[in-house]
Each structure stands twice: as structure tokens, then as C-alpha cells.
PDB file of all heavy atoms in Angstrom:
ATOM      1  N   VAL A   1     -23.887 146.048 -46.087  1.00  0.00           N
ATOM      2  CA  VAL A   1     -22.544 145.602 -45.727  1.00  0.00           C
ATOM      3  C   VAL A   1     -21.891 146.674 -44.862  1.00  0.00           C
ATOM      4  O   VAL A   1     -21.870 147.852 -45.232  1.00  0.00           O
ATOM      5  CB  VAL A   1     -21.672 145.336 -46.972  1.00  0.00           C
ATOM      6  CG1 VAL A   1     -20.258 144.937 -46.563  1.00  0.00           C
ATOM      7  CG2 VAL A   1     -22.295 144.247 -47.830  1.00  0.00           C
ATOM      8  N   VAL A   2     -21.364 146.242 -43.707  1.00  0.00           N
ATOM      9  CA  VAL A   2     -20.714 147.154 -42.766  1.00  0.00           C
ATOM     10  C   VAL A   2     -19.248 146.763 -42.643  1.00  0.00           C
ATOM     11  O   VAL A   2     -18.936 145.603 -42.360  1.00  0.00           O
ATOM     12  CB  VAL A   2     -21.382 147.087 -41.378  1.00  0.00           C
ATOM     13  CG1 VAL A   2     -20.675 148.038 -40.407  1.00  0.00           C
ATOM     14  CG2 VAL A   2     -22.866 147.414 -41.474  1.00  0.00           C
ATOM     15  N   ALA A   3     -18.348 147.705 -42.877  1.00  0.00           N
ATOM     16  CA  ALA A   3     -16.911 147.466 -42.673  1.00  0.00           C
ATOM     17  C   ALA A   3     -16.527 147.996 -41.300  1.00  0.00           C
ATOM     18  O   ALA A   3     -16.923 149.098 -40.918  1.00  0.00           O
ATOM     19  CB  ALA A   3     -16.090 148.150 -43.757  1.00  0.00           C
ATOM     20  N   LEU A   4     -15.754 147.202 -40.553  1.00  0.00           N
ATOM     21  CA  LEU A   4     -15.308 147.591 -39.213  1.00  0.00           C
ATOM     22  C   LEU A   4     -13.805 147.811 -39.273  1.00  0.00           C
ATOM     23  O   LEU A   4     -13.039 146.868 -39.513  1.00  0.00           O
ATOM     24  CB  LEU A   4     -15.657 146.489 -38.212  1.00  0.00           C
ATOM     25  CG  LEU A   4     -15.679 146.863 -36.728  1.00  0.00           C
ATOM     26  CD1 LEU A   4     -16.728 147.920 -36.458  1.00  0.00           C
ATOM     27  CD2 LEU A   4     -15.940 145.631 -35.884  1.00  0.00           C
ATOM     28  N   ALA A   5     -13.363 149.057 -39.091  1.00  0.00           N
ATOM     29  CA  ALA A   5     -11.948 149.404 -39.240  1.00  0.00           C
ATOM     30  C   ALA A   5     -11.442 150.103 -37.986  1.00  0.00           C
ATOM     31  O   ALA A   5     -12.217 150.594 -37.166  1.00  0.00           O
ATOM     32  CB  ALA A   5     -11.751 150.301 -40.463  1.00  0.00           C
ATOM     33  N   GLY A   6     -10.129 150.150 -37.853  1.00  0.00           N
ATOM     34  CA  GLY A   6      -9.539 150.846 -36.717  1.00  0.00           C
ATOM     35  C   GLY A   6      -8.110 150.421 -36.463  1.00  0.00           C
ATOM     36  O   GLY A   6      -7.605 149.469 -37.070  1.00  0.00           O
ATOM     37  N   ASN A   7      -7.442 151.157 -35.568  1.00  0.00           N
ATOM     38  CA  ASN A   7      -6.088 150.792 -35.148  1.00  0.00           C
ATOM     39  C   ASN A   7      -6.110 149.464 -34.399  1.00  0.00           C
ATOM     40  O   ASN A   7      -7.156 149.059 -33.867  1.00  0.00           O
ATOM     41  CB  ASN A   7      -5.511 151.860 -34.236  1.00  0.00           C
ATOM     42  CG  ASN A   7      -5.153 153.147 -34.971  1.00  0.00           C
ATOM     43  OD1 ASN A   7      -4.969 154.183 -34.361  1.00  0.00           O
ATOM     44  ND2 ASN A   7      -5.063 153.111 -36.292  1.00  0.00           N
ATOM     45  N   PRO A   8      -4.968 148.783 -34.304  1.00  0.00           N
ATOM     46  CA  PRO A   8      -4.903 147.595 -33.451  1.00  0.00           C
ATOM     47  C   PRO A   8      -5.208 147.951 -31.998  1.00  0.00           C
ATOM     48  O   PRO A   8      -4.893 149.048 -31.531  1.00  0.00           O
ATOM     49  CB  PRO A   8      -3.446 147.125 -33.608  1.00  0.00           C
ATOM     50  CG  PRO A   8      -2.982 147.705 -34.905  1.00  0.00           C
ATOM     51  CD  PRO A   8      -3.700 149.020 -35.024  1.00  0.00           C
ATOM     52  N   ASN A   9      -5.854 147.034 -31.320  1.00  0.00           N
ATOM     53  CA  ASN A   9      -6.067 147.140 -29.870  1.00  0.00           C
ATOM     54  C   ASN A   9      -6.989 148.285 -29.470  1.00  0.00           C
ATOM     55  O   ASN A   9      -6.819 148.894 -28.420  1.00  0.00           O
ATOM     56  CB  ASN A   9      -4.718 147.289 -29.150  1.00  0.00           C
ATOM     57  CG  ASN A   9      -4.802 146.817 -27.709  1.00  0.00           C
ATOM     58  OD1 ASN A   9      -5.232 145.698 -27.448  1.00  0.00           O
ATOM     59  ND2 ASN A   9      -4.423 147.663 -26.784  1.00  0.00           N
ATOM     60  N   THR A  10      -7.977 148.564 -30.307  1.00  0.00           N
ATOM     61  CA  THR A  10      -8.981 149.564 -29.952  1.00  0.00           C
ATOM     62  C   THR A  10     -10.297 148.920 -29.532  1.00  0.00           C
ATOM     63  O   THR A  10     -11.245 149.642 -29.192  1.00  0.00           O
ATOM     64  CB  THR A  10      -9.252 150.515 -31.130  1.00  0.00           C
ATOM     65  OG1 THR A  10      -9.660 149.735 -32.268  1.00  0.00           O
ATOM     66  CG2 THR A  10      -8.011 151.321 -31.479  1.00  0.00           C
ATOM     67  N   GLY A  11     -10.368 147.592 -29.575  1.00  0.00           N
ATOM     68  CA  GLY A  11     -11.596 146.896 -29.208  1.00  0.00           C
ATOM     69  C   GLY A  11     -12.495 146.591 -30.385  1.00  0.00           C
ATOM     70  O   GLY A  11     -13.695 146.380 -30.217  1.00  0.00           O
ATOM     71  N   LYS A  12     -11.919 146.554 -31.599  1.00  0.00           N
ATOM     72  CA  LYS A  12     -12.717 146.257 -32.785  1.00  0.00           C
ATOM     73  C   LYS A  12     -13.424 144.913 -32.683  1.00  0.00           C
ATOM     74  O   LYS A  12     -14.616 144.785 -32.976  1.00  0.00           O
ATOM     75  CB  LYS A  12     -11.822 146.253 -34.038  1.00  0.00           C
ATOM     76  CG  LYS A  12     -11.756 147.554 -34.739  1.00  0.00           C
ATOM     77  CD  LYS A  12     -11.109 147.518 -36.104  1.00  0.00           C
ATOM     78  CE  LYS A  12      -9.949 146.554 -36.237  1.00  0.00           C
ATOM     79  NZ  LYS A  12     -10.375 145.191 -36.596  1.00  0.00           N
ATOM     80  N   SER A  13     -12.675 143.902 -32.307  1.00  0.00           N
ATOM     81  CA  SER A  13     -13.264 142.566 -32.219  1.00  0.00           C
ATOM     82  C   SER A  13     -14.328 142.492 -31.134  1.00  0.00           C
ATOM     83  O   SER A  13     -15.302 141.743 -31.250  1.00  0.00           O
ATOM     84  CB  SER A  13     -12.166 141.522 -31.951  1.00  0.00           C
ATOM     85  OG  SER A  13     -11.271 141.448 -33.036  1.00  0.00           O
ATOM     86  N   THR A  14     -14.161 143.275 -30.068  1.00  0.00           N
ATOM     87  CA  THR A  14     -15.179 143.315 -29.019  1.00  0.00           C
ATOM     88  C   THR A  14     -16.453 143.960 -29.539  1.00  0.00           C
ATOM     89  O   THR A  14     -17.566 143.500 -29.246  1.00  0.00           O
ATOM     90  CB  THR A  14     -14.660 144.084 -27.797  1.00  0.00           C
ATOM     91  OG1 THR A  14     -13.402 143.543 -27.394  1.00  0.00           O
ATOM     92  CG2 THR A  14     -15.626 143.981 -26.639  1.00  0.00           C
ATOM     93  N   VAL A  15     -16.330 145.034 -30.320  1.00  0.00           N
ATOM     94  CA  VAL A  15     -17.500 145.656 -30.952  1.00  0.00           C
ATOM     95  C   VAL A  15     -18.149 144.666 -31.914  1.00  0.00           C
ATOM     96  O   VAL A  15     -19.382 144.537 -31.972  1.00  0.00           O
ATOM     97  CB  VAL A  15     -17.092 146.949 -31.684  1.00  0.00           C
ATOM     98  CG1 VAL A  15     -18.258 147.515 -32.493  1.00  0.00           C
ATOM     99  CG2 VAL A  15     -16.584 147.985 -30.697  1.00  0.00           C
ATOM    100  N   PHE A  16     -17.326 143.960 -32.682  1.00  0.00           N
ATOM    101  CA  PHE A  16     -17.815 142.937 -33.615  1.00  0.00           C
ATOM    102  C   PHE A  16     -18.644 141.893 -32.870  1.00  0.00           C
ATOM    103  O   PHE A  16     -19.753 141.535 -33.285  1.00  0.00           O
ATOM    104  CB  PHE A  16     -16.614 142.291 -34.313  1.00  0.00           C
ATOM    105  CG  PHE A  16     -16.958 141.158 -35.242  1.00  0.00           C
ATOM    106  CD1 PHE A  16     -17.276 141.401 -36.564  1.00  0.00           C
ATOM    107  CD2 PHE A  16     -16.940 139.855 -34.800  1.00  0.00           C
ATOM    108  CE1 PHE A  16     -17.579 140.362 -37.419  1.00  0.00           C
ATOM    109  CE2 PHE A  16     -17.243 138.806 -35.646  1.00  0.00           C
ATOM    110  CZ  PHE A  16     -17.560 139.061 -36.966  1.00  0.00           C
ATOM    111  N   ASN A  17     -18.119 141.406 -31.752  1.00  0.00           N
ATOM    112  CA  ASN A  17     -18.840 140.407 -30.963  1.00  0.00           C
ATOM    113  C   ASN A  17     -20.136 140.972 -30.397  1.00  0.00           C
ATOM    114  O   ASN A  17     -21.163 140.291 -30.361  1.00  0.00           O
ATOM    115  CB  ASN A  17     -17.958 139.908 -29.811  1.00  0.00           C
ATOM    116  CG  ASN A  17     -16.777 139.095 -30.296  1.00  0.00           C
ATOM    117  OD1 ASN A  17     -16.783 138.600 -31.411  1.00  0.00           O
ATOM    118  ND2 ASN A  17     -15.760 138.978 -29.469  1.00  0.00           N
ATOM    119  N   ALA A  18     -20.085 142.226 -29.938  1.00  0.00           N
ATOM    120  CA  ALA A  18     -21.280 142.831 -29.355  1.00  0.00           C
ATOM    121  C   ALA A  18     -22.385 143.010 -30.387  1.00  0.00           C
ATOM    122  O   ALA A  18     -23.568 142.867 -30.073  1.00  0.00           O
ATOM    123  CB  ALA A  18     -20.920 144.178 -28.731  1.00  0.00           C
ATOM    124  N   LEU A  19     -22.010 143.311 -31.626  1.00  0.00           N
ATOM    125  CA  LEU A  19     -23.003 143.505 -32.677  1.00  0.00           C
ATOM    126  C   LEU A  19     -23.574 142.186 -33.178  1.00  0.00           C
ATOM    127  O   LEU A  19     -24.774 142.069 -33.426  1.00  0.00           O
ATOM    128  CB  LEU A  19     -22.384 144.274 -33.851  1.00  0.00           C
ATOM    129  CG  LEU A  19     -22.070 145.753 -33.614  1.00  0.00           C
ATOM    130  CD1 LEU A  19     -21.301 146.326 -34.785  1.00  0.00           C
ATOM    131  CD2 LEU A  19     -23.350 146.547 -33.389  1.00  0.00           C
ATOM    132  N   THR A  20     -22.737 141.187 -33.336  1.00  0.00           N
ATOM    133  CA  THR A  20     -23.170 139.938 -33.961  1.00  0.00           C
ATOM    134  C   THR A  20     -23.561 138.863 -32.965  1.00  0.00           C
ATOM    135  O   THR A  20     -24.268 137.924 -33.316  1.00  0.00           O
ATOM    136  CB  THR A  20     -22.056 139.364 -34.856  1.00  0.00           C
ATOM    137  OG1 THR A  20     -20.924 139.031 -34.039  1.00  0.00           O
ATOM    138  CG2 THR A  20     -21.637 140.366 -35.921  1.00  0.00           C
ATOM    139  N   GLY A  21     -23.053 138.962 -31.724  1.00  0.00           N
ATOM    140  CA  GLY A  21     -23.296 137.882 -30.777  1.00  0.00           C
ATOM    141  C   GLY A  21     -22.329 136.739 -30.945  1.00  0.00           C
ATOM    142  O   GLY A  21     -22.423 135.731 -30.254  1.00  0.00           O
ATOM    143  N   LEU A  22     -21.369 136.871 -31.875  1.00  0.00           N
ATOM    144  CA  LEU A  22     -20.368 135.825 -32.061  1.00  0.00           C
ATOM    145  C   LEU A  22     -19.320 135.921 -30.970  1.00  0.00           C
ATOM    146  O   LEU A  22     -19.278 136.869 -30.213  1.00  0.00           O
ATOM    147  CB  LEU A  22     -19.700 135.952 -33.431  1.00  0.00           C
ATOM    148  CG  LEU A  22     -20.637 135.833 -34.636  1.00  0.00           C
ATOM    149  CD1 LEU A  22     -19.848 135.975 -35.914  1.00  0.00           C
ATOM    150  CD2 LEU A  22     -21.370 134.513 -34.623  1.00  0.00           C
ATOM    151  N   LYS A  23     -18.453 134.915 -30.919  1.00  0.00           N
ATOM    152  CA  LYS A  23     -17.415 134.874 -29.892  1.00  0.00           C
ATOM    153  C   LYS A  23     -16.039 134.840 -30.543  1.00  0.00           C
ATOM    154  O   LYS A  23     -15.237 133.958 -30.296  1.00  0.00           O
ATOM    155  CB  LYS A  23     -17.615 133.646 -28.990  1.00  0.00           C
ATOM    156  CG  LYS A  23     -18.825 133.773 -28.077  1.00  0.00           C
ATOM    157  CD  LYS A  23     -18.686 134.939 -27.120  1.00  0.00           C
ATOM    158  CE  LYS A  23     -19.894 135.078 -26.231  1.00  0.00           C
ATOM    159  NZ  LYS A  23     -19.799 136.249 -25.353  1.00  0.00           N
ATOM    160  N   GLN A  24     -15.774 135.804 -31.435  1.00  0.00           N
ATOM    161  CA  GLN A  24     -14.429 135.908 -31.982  1.00  0.00           C
ATOM    162  C   GLN A  24     -13.477 136.222 -30.846  1.00  0.00           C
ATOM    163  O   GLN A  24     -13.761 137.063 -30.002  1.00  0.00           O
ATOM    164  CB  GLN A  24     -14.371 137.010 -33.042  1.00  0.00           C
ATOM    165  CG  GLN A  24     -13.003 137.142 -33.701  1.00  0.00           C
ATOM    166  CD  GLN A  24     -12.948 138.317 -34.640  1.00  0.00           C
ATOM    167  OE1 GLN A  24     -13.853 139.130 -34.659  1.00  0.00           O
ATOM    168  NE2 GLN A  24     -11.884 138.418 -35.406  1.00  0.00           N
ATOM    169  N   HIS A  25     -12.331 135.530 -30.806  1.00  0.00           N
ATOM    170  CA  HIS A  25     -11.409 135.725 -29.681  1.00  0.00           C
ATOM    171  C   HIS A  25     -10.829 137.130 -29.707  1.00  0.00           C
ATOM    172  O   HIS A  25     -10.382 137.620 -30.735  1.00  0.00           O
ATOM    173  CB  HIS A  25     -10.276 134.705 -29.750  1.00  0.00           C
ATOM    174  CG  HIS A  25      -9.281 134.882 -28.644  1.00  0.00           C
ATOM    175  ND1 HIS A  25      -9.638 134.810 -27.320  1.00  0.00           N
ATOM    176  CD2 HIS A  25      -7.954 135.155 -28.667  1.00  0.00           C
ATOM    177  CE1 HIS A  25      -8.566 135.007 -26.568  1.00  0.00           C
ATOM    178  NE2 HIS A  25      -7.541 135.223 -27.368  1.00  0.00           N
ATOM    179  N   THR A  26     -10.875 137.784 -28.565  1.00  0.00           N
ATOM    180  CA  THR A  26     -10.300 139.115 -28.437  1.00  0.00           C
ATOM    181  C   THR A  26      -9.176 139.080 -27.416  1.00  0.00           C
ATOM    182  O   THR A  26      -9.122 138.206 -26.562  1.00  0.00           O
ATOM    183  CB  THR A  26     -11.362 140.131 -27.979  1.00  0.00           C
ATOM    184  OG1 THR A  26     -11.882 139.715 -26.709  1.00  0.00           O
ATOM    185  CG2 THR A  26     -12.501 140.217 -28.978  1.00  0.00           C
ATOM    186  N   GLY A  27      -8.273 140.026 -27.506  1.00  0.00           N
ATOM    187  CA  GLY A  27      -7.163 140.056 -26.565  1.00  0.00           C
ATOM    188  C   GLY A  27      -6.570 141.445 -26.465  1.00  0.00           C
ATOM    189  O   GLY A  27      -6.691 142.246 -27.388  1.00  0.00           O
ATOM    190  N   ASN A  28      -5.919 141.726 -25.342  1.00  0.00           N
ATOM    191  CA  ASN A  28      -5.362 143.053 -25.107  1.00  0.00           C
ATOM    192  C   ASN A  28      -3.941 143.125 -25.637  1.00  0.00           C
ATOM    193  O   ASN A  28      -2.997 143.307 -24.894  1.00  0.00           O
ATOM    194  CB  ASN A  28      -5.404 143.374 -23.609  1.00  0.00           C
ATOM    195  CG  ASN A  28      -4.973 144.804 -23.319  1.00  0.00           C
ATOM    196  OD1 ASN A  28      -4.967 145.639 -24.207  1.00  0.00           O
ATOM    197  ND2 ASN A  28      -4.621 145.070 -22.081  1.00  0.00           N
ATOM    198  N   TRP A  29      -3.801 142.934 -26.948  1.00  0.00           N
ATOM    199  CA  TRP A  29      -2.502 143.141 -27.584  1.00  0.00           C
ATOM    200  C   TRP A  29      -2.697 143.323 -29.079  1.00  0.00           C
ATOM    201  O   TRP A  29      -3.661 142.821 -29.649  1.00  0.00           O
ATOM    202  CB  TRP A  29      -1.528 142.024 -27.280  1.00  0.00           C
ATOM    203  CG  TRP A  29      -1.977 140.629 -27.602  1.00  0.00           C
ATOM    204  CD1 TRP A  29      -3.015 139.953 -27.047  1.00  0.00           C
ATOM    205  CD2 TRP A  29      -1.377 139.727 -28.531  1.00  0.00           C
ATOM    206  NE1 TRP A  29      -3.097 138.690 -27.563  1.00  0.00           N
ATOM    207  CE2 TRP A  29      -2.090 138.522 -28.472  1.00  0.00           C
ATOM    208  CE3 TRP A  29      -0.285 139.809 -29.393  1.00  0.00           C
ATOM    209  CZ2 TRP A  29      -1.776 137.417 -29.259  1.00  0.00           C
ATOM    210  CZ3 TRP A  29       0.039 138.711 -30.164  1.00  0.00           C
ATOM    211  CH2 TRP A  29      -0.705 137.539 -30.088  1.00  0.00           C
ATOM    212  N   PRO A  30      -1.812 144.072 -29.753  1.00  0.00           N
ATOM    213  CA  PRO A  30      -1.989 144.373 -31.169  1.00  0.00           C
ATOM    214  C   PRO A  30      -1.822 143.136 -32.033  1.00  0.00           C
ATOM    215  O   PRO A  30      -1.129 142.188 -31.685  1.00  0.00           O
ATOM    216  CB  PRO A  30      -0.860 145.386 -31.458  1.00  0.00           C
ATOM    217  CG  PRO A  30      -0.410 145.878 -30.131  1.00  0.00           C
ATOM    218  CD  PRO A  30      -0.651 144.757 -29.167  1.00  0.00           C
ATOM    219  N   GLY A  31      -2.463 143.181 -33.213  1.00  0.00           N
ATOM    220  CA  GLY A  31      -2.247 142.133 -34.190  1.00  0.00           C
ATOM    221  C   GLY A  31      -3.137 140.927 -34.040  1.00  0.00           C
ATOM    222  O   GLY A  31      -2.853 139.875 -34.603  1.00  0.00           O
ATOM    223  N   LYS A  32      -4.239 141.015 -33.289  1.00  0.00           N
ATOM    224  CA  LYS A  32      -5.095 139.854 -33.097  1.00  0.00           C
ATOM    225  C   LYS A  32      -5.826 139.492 -34.376  1.00  0.00           C
ATOM    226  O   LYS A  32      -6.027 138.336 -34.685  1.00  0.00           O
ATOM    227  CB  LYS A  32      -6.126 140.118 -31.987  1.00  0.00           C
ATOM    228  CG  LYS A  32      -5.525 140.262 -30.618  1.00  0.00           C
ATOM    229  CD  LYS A  32      -4.882 138.993 -30.146  1.00  0.00           C
ATOM    230  CE  LYS A  32      -5.896 137.899 -29.936  1.00  0.00           C
ATOM    231  NZ  LYS A  32      -5.291 136.698 -29.329  1.00  0.00           N
ATOM    232  N   THR A  33      -6.293 140.497 -35.142  1.00  0.00           N
ATOM    233  CA  THR A  33      -7.057 140.229 -36.346  1.00  0.00           C
ATOM    234  C   THR A  33      -6.151 140.418 -37.549  1.00  0.00           C
ATOM    235  O   THR A  33      -5.825 141.534 -37.906  1.00  0.00           O
ATOM    236  CB  THR A  33      -8.259 141.185 -36.437  1.00  0.00           C
ATOM    237  OG1 THR A  33      -8.986 141.127 -35.211  1.00  0.00           O
ATOM    238  CG2 THR A  33      -9.179 140.787 -37.567  1.00  0.00           C
ATOM    239  N   VAL A  34      -5.742 139.329 -38.181  1.00  0.00           N
ATOM    240  CA  VAL A  34      -4.844 139.429 -39.324  1.00  0.00           C
ATOM    241  C   VAL A  34      -5.554 139.067 -40.619  1.00  0.00           C
ATOM    242  O   VAL A  34      -4.947 139.043 -41.674  1.00  0.00           O
ATOM    243  CB  VAL A  34      -3.611 138.512 -39.137  1.00  0.00           C
ATOM    244  CG1 VAL A  34      -2.761 139.022 -38.017  1.00  0.00           C
ATOM    245  CG2 VAL A  34      -4.032 137.074 -38.886  1.00  0.00           C
TER     246      VAL A  34
END
């Protein structure tokens, strides 16, 4: 199990997508992943 943590708007979701191949929506503003 891998936990992915970080400040808002650091590209966490982009790293998540790159690792998994999924297409979770990412955006250049804080608060995307709630």
C-alpha cells in the first residue's frame, strides 16, 4: 500500500496518473482532491 501525500497543487494527481495509468482529473488550482 502506497500513500500519496503533499500540499495542494504540487502535482499529486499527475503523479498518481503517471503511476497507475488512470485519468483522474487534474488542474492547476488548490483543492482538486477532497
